[in-house]
Amino acid sequence: KTAYTPFWQLRSTYWWRSTFPANKAVHVSHRYKPSVGGTSSVSFFYDGQFQGQYAAYKTRYCMDGTFENAVRKAAKDDPDGYPKYFENRIAYILTTGGNWASGNIGTFKLTVDKGDPKNLVSFCGENVRKVGPTTFEMKAQNFYPEHDIDILLLEPSDGGNGG
């Protein structure tokens, strides 16, 4: 059976100029629905196993055993043996934010909402807590971003549970 897949890439960057008062505390809040990149299937699991870009994804998105077991289960539950998910990827640049005077963010809070309880989400972060059926939160004081945030979201392509 031949399957055709589009092969193209789009990168979008959003930026804006901001001026902050010298020697004063400033509250900055970002809240938006980001544009996402994605694929029409899971690119790191096929033929019954993790392969292809798996090692790079595991490092970039900190995929843990719970996330991987959910992907395995979806593949096992599917008659064709493939996890039926759309793959969505979100990248957010934090490291350039370290250019201000003190180099850190006094109070940092990240909330990631996976949108639907059936969706799977994975991203790197310290002390991440699940705070709702679809939301995860990370808080830190005097946070210095050493890397950007990359989020992997798997959404069932069959409208069900990915299997």
C-alpha atoms as a PDB file:
ATOM      1  CA  LYS A   1       0.000   0.000   0.000  1.00  0.00           C
ATOM      2  CA  THR A   2       1.513   3.324  -1.086  1.00  0.00           C
ATOM      3  CA  ALA A   3       1.055   6.299   1.199  1.00  0.00           C
ATOM      4  CA  TYR A   4       1.795   9.813  -0.032  1.00  0.00           C
ATOM      5  CA  THR A   5       2.956  12.458   2.394  1.00  0.00           C
ATOM      6  CA  PRO A   6       3.668  16.148   1.748  1.00  0.00           C
ATOM      7  CA  PHE A   7       7.319  17.122   2.124  1.00  0.00           C
ATOM      8  CA  TRP A   8       7.673  20.825   2.890  1.00  0.00           C
ATOM      9  CA  GLN A   9       8.684  23.087   5.726  1.00  0.00           C
ATOM     10  CA  LEU A  10       7.578  26.493   6.978  1.00  0.00           C
ATOM     11  CA  ARG A  11       9.282  28.542   9.683  1.00  0.00           C
ATOM     12  CA  SER A  12       7.647  31.609  11.175  1.00  0.00           C
ATOM     13  CA  THR A  13       9.255  34.024  13.617  1.00  0.00           C
ATOM     14  CA  TYR A  14       7.417  36.703  15.558  1.00  0.00           C
ATOM     15  CA  TRP A  15       9.202  39.532  17.324  1.00  0.00           C
ATOM     16  CA  TRP A  16       8.548  42.998  18.631  1.00  0.00           C
ATOM     17  CA  ARG A  17      10.575  45.844  20.100  1.00  0.00           C
ATOM     18  CA  SER A  18      10.113  46.676  23.771  1.00  0.00           C
ATOM     19  CA  THR A  19      11.567  49.371  25.971  1.00  0.00           C
ATOM     20  CA  PHE A  20      11.787  48.797  29.718  1.00  0.00           C
ATOM     21  CA  PRO A  21      12.446  51.461  32.366  1.00  0.00           C
ATOM     22  CA  ALA A  22      15.936  51.386  33.875  1.00  0.00           C
ATOM     23  CA  ASN A  23      16.391  50.152  37.449  1.00  0.00           C
ATOM     24  CA  LYS A  24      12.732  49.212  37.950  1.00  0.00           C
ATOM     25  CA  ALA A  25      10.964  45.882  38.328  1.00  0.00           C
ATOM     26  CA  VAL A  26       8.863  45.044  35.283  1.00  0.00           C
ATOM     27  CA  HIS A  27       6.083  42.470  34.918  1.00  0.00           C
ATOM     28  CA  VAL A  28       6.062  40.778  31.505  1.00  0.00           C
ATOM     29  CA  SER A  29       3.378  38.265  30.581  1.00  0.00           C
ATOM     30  CA  HIS A  30       2.991  36.358  27.299  1.00  0.00           C
ATOM     31  CA  ARG A  31      -0.289  34.591  26.606  1.00  0.00           C
ATOM     32  CA  TYR A  32      -1.232  33.331  23.180  1.00  0.00           C
ATOM     33  CA  LYS A  33      -2.083  30.347  21.058  1.00  0.00           C
ATOM     34  CA  PRO A  34       1.128  29.668  19.178  1.00  0.00           C
ATOM     35  CA  SER A  35       1.385  28.502  15.617  1.00  0.00           C
ATOM     36  CA  VAL A  36       2.573  24.919  15.485  1.00  0.00           C
ATOM     37  CA  GLY A  37       4.548  22.710  13.180  1.00  0.00           C
ATOM     38  CA  GLY A  38       3.514  19.144  12.742  1.00  0.00           C
ATOM     39  CA  THR A  39       3.216  15.921  10.839  1.00  0.00           C
ATOM     40  CA  SER A  40       0.319  13.771   9.729  1.00  0.00           C
ATOM     41  CA  SER A  41       1.595  10.848  11.830  1.00  0.00           C
ATOM     42  CA  VAL A  42       4.081  10.028  14.590  1.00  0.00           C
ATOM     43  CA  SER A  43       7.541  10.255  13.020  1.00  0.00           C
ATOM     44  CA  PHE A  44       9.470   8.457  15.769  1.00  0.00           C
ATOM     45  CA  PHE A  45       7.451   5.205  16.117  1.00  0.00           C
ATOM     46  CA  TYR A  46       6.696   2.772  13.319  1.00  0.00           C
ATOM     47  CA  ASP A  47       6.901  -0.943  12.568  1.00  0.00           C
ATOM     48  CA  GLY A  48       6.159  -1.590  16.236  1.00  0.00           C
ATOM     49  CA  GLN A  49       9.091   0.274  17.743  1.00  0.00           C
ATOM     50  CA  PHE A  50      10.657   3.620  18.523  1.00  0.00           C
ATOM     51  CA  GLN A  51      13.076   4.509  15.727  1.00  0.00           C
ATOM     52  CA  GLY A  52      13.922   7.185  13.187  1.00  0.00           C
ATOM     53  CA  GLN A  53      14.086  10.507  15.023  1.00  0.00           C
ATOM     54  CA  TYR A  54      13.350   8.871  18.389  1.00  0.00           C
ATOM     55  CA  ALA A  55      16.705   9.658  20.067  1.00  0.00           C
ATOM     56  CA  ALA A  56      16.567  13.315  19.006  1.00  0.00           C
ATOM     57  CA  TYR A  57      12.926  13.620  20.125  1.00  0.00           C
ATOM     58  CA  LYS A  58      13.629  11.969  23.487  1.00  0.00           C
ATOM     59  CA  THR A  59      16.342  14.545  24.169  1.00  0.00           C
ATOM     60  CA  ARG A  60      14.513  17.569  22.760  1.00  0.00           C
ATOM     61  CA  TYR A  61      11.104  16.865  24.340  1.00  0.00           C
ATOM     62  CA  CYS A  62      12.169  14.814  27.425  1.00  0.00           C
ATOM     63  CA  MET A  63       9.759  11.993  26.562  1.00  0.00           C
ATOM     64  CA  ASP A  64       9.331   9.850  29.682  1.00  0.00           C
ATOM     65  CA  GLY A  65       8.131   6.294  30.257  1.00  0.00           C
ATOM     66  CA  THR A  66       4.494   7.317  30.731  1.00  0.00           C
ATOM     67  CA  PHE A  67       4.452   9.204  27.415  1.00  0.00           C
ATOM     68  CA  GLU A  68       6.223   6.349  25.586  1.00  0.00           C
ATOM     69  CA  ASN A  69       3.876   3.733  27.081  1.00  0.00           C
ATOM     70  CA  ALA A  70       0.856   5.714  25.852  1.00  0.00           C
ATOM     71  CA  VAL A  71       2.331   5.719  22.317  1.00  0.00           C
ATOM     72  CA  ARG A  72       3.019   1.946  22.528  1.00  0.00           C
ATOM     73  CA  LYS A  73      -0.528   1.291  23.773  1.00  0.00           C
ATOM     74  CA  ALA A  74      -2.043   3.327  20.944  1.00  0.00           C
ATOM     75  CA  ALA A  75      -0.012   1.308  18.415  1.00  0.00           C
ATOM     76  CA  LYS A  76      -0.992  -1.979  20.066  1.00  0.00           C
ATOM     77  CA  ASP A  77      -4.685  -1.016  20.075  1.00  0.00           C
ATOM     78  CA  ASP A  78      -4.620  -0.176  16.345  1.00  0.00           C
ATOM     79  CA  PRO A  79      -5.176  -3.015  13.832  1.00  0.00           C
ATOM     80  CA  ASP A  80      -2.380  -1.627  11.613  1.00  0.00           C
ATOM     81  CA  GLY A  81       0.038  -1.336  14.564  1.00  0.00           C
ATOM     82  CA  TYR A  82       0.599   2.418  14.249  1.00  0.00           C
ATOM     83  CA  PRO A  83      -0.249   5.077  16.822  1.00  0.00           C
ATOM     84  CA  LYS A  84      -2.930   7.221  15.200  1.00  0.00           C
ATOM     85  CA  TYR A  85      -1.762  10.683  16.226  1.00  0.00           C
ATOM     86  CA  PHE A  86      -1.026  13.980  14.539  1.00  0.00           C
ATOM     87  CA  GLU A  87       2.285  15.316  15.783  1.00  0.00           C
ATOM     88  CA  ASN A  88       2.372  19.005  16.726  1.00  0.00           C
ATOM     89  CA  ARG A  89       5.574  20.787  17.705  1.00  0.00           C
ATOM     90  CA  ILE A  90       5.833  24.159  19.424  1.00  0.00           C
ATOM     91  CA  ALA A  91       9.117  26.014  19.954  1.00  0.00           C
ATOM     92  CA  TYR A  92       9.417  29.088  22.155  1.00  0.00           C
ATOM     93  CA  ILE A  93      12.659  31.056  22.410  1.00  0.00           C
ATOM     94  CA  LEU A  94      13.559  31.953  25.987  1.00  0.00           C
ATOM     95  CA  THR A  95      17.328  32.241  25.798  1.00  0.00           C
ATOM     96  CA  THR A  96      17.428  35.661  24.139  1.00  0.00           C
ATOM     97  CA  GLY A  97      15.428  36.902  27.113  1.00  0.00           C
ATOM     98  CA  GLY A  98      18.614  36.582  29.168  1.00  0.00           C
ATOM     99  CA  ASN A  99      19.945  39.756  27.569  1.00  0.00           C
ATOM    100  CA  TRP A 100      18.551  42.111  30.199  1.00  0.00           C
ATOM    101  CA  ALA A 101      20.654  43.519  33.024  1.00  0.00           C
ATOM    102  CA  SER A 102      20.303  40.847  35.713  1.00  0.00           C
ATOM    103  CA  GLY A 103      20.170  38.000  33.198  1.00  0.00           C
ATOM    104  CA  ASN A 104      17.347  36.186  34.969  1.00  0.00           C
ATOM    105  CA  ILE A 105      13.581  36.216  35.297  1.00  0.00           C
ATOM    106  CA  GLY A 106      12.574  37.048  38.887  1.00  0.00           C
ATOM    107  CA  THR A 107       9.371  35.002  38.937  1.00  0.00           C
ATOM    108  CA  PHE A 108       8.858  32.591  36.065  1.00  0.00           C
ATOM    109  CA  LYS A 109       5.663  30.626  35.447  1.00  0.00           C
ATOM    110  CA  LEU A 110       4.995  28.419  32.439  1.00  0.00           C
ATOM    111  CA  THR A 111       1.578  26.860  31.855  1.00  0.00           C
ATOM    112  CA  VAL A 112       1.150  24.324  29.065  1.00  0.00           C
ATOM    113  CA  ASP A 113      -2.388  23.287  28.132  1.00  0.00           C
ATOM    114  CA  LYS A 114      -2.607  20.192  25.933  1.00  0.00           C
ATOM    115  CA  GLY A 115      -6.168  21.126  24.949  1.00  0.00           C
ATOM    116  CA  ASP A 116      -7.903  17.751  25.352  1.00  0.00           C
ATOM    117  CA  PRO A 117      -7.410  14.969  27.913  1.00  0.00           C
ATOM    118  CA  LYS A 118      -6.935  12.512  25.006  1.00  0.00           C
ATOM    119  CA  ASN A 119      -3.906  14.447  23.755  1.00  0.00           C
ATOM    120  CA  LEU A 120      -0.381  13.524  24.871  1.00  0.00           C
ATOM    121  CA  VAL A 121       2.187  16.203  25.749  1.00  0.00           C
ATOM    122  CA  SER A 122       5.899  16.141  26.500  1.00  0.00           C
ATOM    123  CA  PHE A 123       8.405  18.920  27.203  1.00  0.00           C
ATOM    124  CA  CYS A 124      11.506  19.517  29.318  1.00  0.00           C
ATOM    125  CA  GLY A 125      11.171  21.386  32.578  1.00  0.00           C
ATOM    126  CA  GLU A 126      12.051  21.214  36.256  1.00  0.00           C
ATOM    127  CA  ASN A 127       9.380  20.552  38.877  1.00  0.00           C
ATOM    128  CA  VAL A 128       6.565  20.346  36.314  1.00  0.00           C
ATOM    129  CA  ARG A 129       3.219  19.662  38.002  1.00  0.00           C
ATOM    130  CA  LYS A 130      -0.103  18.603  36.536  1.00  0.00           C
ATOM    131  CA  VAL A 131      -2.555  21.241  37.805  1.00  0.00           C
ATOM    132  CA  GLY A 132      -5.665  20.323  35.805  1.00  0.00           C
ATOM    133  CA  PRO A 133      -7.017  17.663  33.430  1.00  0.00           C
ATOM    134  CA  THR A 134      -5.139  19.254  30.520  1.00  0.00           C
ATOM    135  CA  THR A 135      -2.757  21.742  32.149  1.00  0.00           C
ATOM    136  CA  PHE A 136       0.808  21.479  33.385  1.00  0.00           C
ATOM    137  CA  GLU A 137       2.718  24.169  35.247  1.00  0.00           C
ATOM    138  CA  MET A 138       6.335  24.986  35.988  1.00  0.00           C
ATOM    139  CA  LYS A 139       7.318  27.777  38.395  1.00  0.00           C
ATOM    140  CA  ALA A 140      10.773  29.104  39.261  1.00  0.00           C
ATOM    141  CA  GLN A 141      12.346  32.032  41.079  1.00  0.00           C
ATOM    142  CA  ASN A 142      15.342  33.895  39.638  1.00  0.00           C
ATOM    143  CA  PHE A 143      14.999  31.747  36.545  1.00  0.00           C
ATOM    144  CA  TYR A 144      17.809  31.864  34.024  1.00  0.00           C
ATOM    145  CA  PRO A 145      16.784  30.217  30.739  1.00  0.00           C
ATOM    146  CA  GLU A 146      19.602  27.930  29.645  1.00  0.00           C
ATOM    147  CA  HIS A 147      17.640  26.549  26.706  1.00  0.00           C
ATOM    148  CA  ASP A 148      14.489  27.274  24.764  1.00  0.00           C
ATOM    149  CA  ILE A 149      11.218  25.434  25.346  1.00  0.00           C
ATOM    150  CA  ASP A 150      10.173  22.751  22.882  1.00  0.00           C
ATOM    151  CA  ILE A 151       6.763  21.124  23.307  1.00  0.00           C
ATOM    152  CA  LEU A 152       5.569  17.941  21.595  1.00  0.00           C
ATOM    153  CA  LEU A 153       1.815  17.456  21.437  1.00  0.00           C
ATOM    154  CA  LEU A 154       0.219  14.298  20.018  1.00  0.00           C
ATOM    155  CA  GLU A 155      -3.426  14.649  19.029  1.00  0.00           C
ATOM    156  CA  PRO A 156      -5.497  11.565  18.078  1.00  0.00           C
ATOM    157  CA  SER A 157      -5.991  11.602  14.311  1.00  0.00           C
ATOM    158  CA  ASP A 158      -8.908   9.190  14.539  1.00  0.00           C
ATOM    159  CA  GLY A 159     -10.890  11.340  16.967  1.00  0.00           C
ATOM    160  CA  GLY A 160     -10.437   8.638  19.617  1.00  0.00           C
ATOM    161  CA  ASN A 161      -7.511   7.602  21.753  1.00  0.00           C
ATOM    162  CA  GLY A 162      -4.819   7.353  19.089  1.00  0.00           C
ATOM    163  CA  GLY A 163      -5.265   3.621  18.607  1.00  0.00           C
END
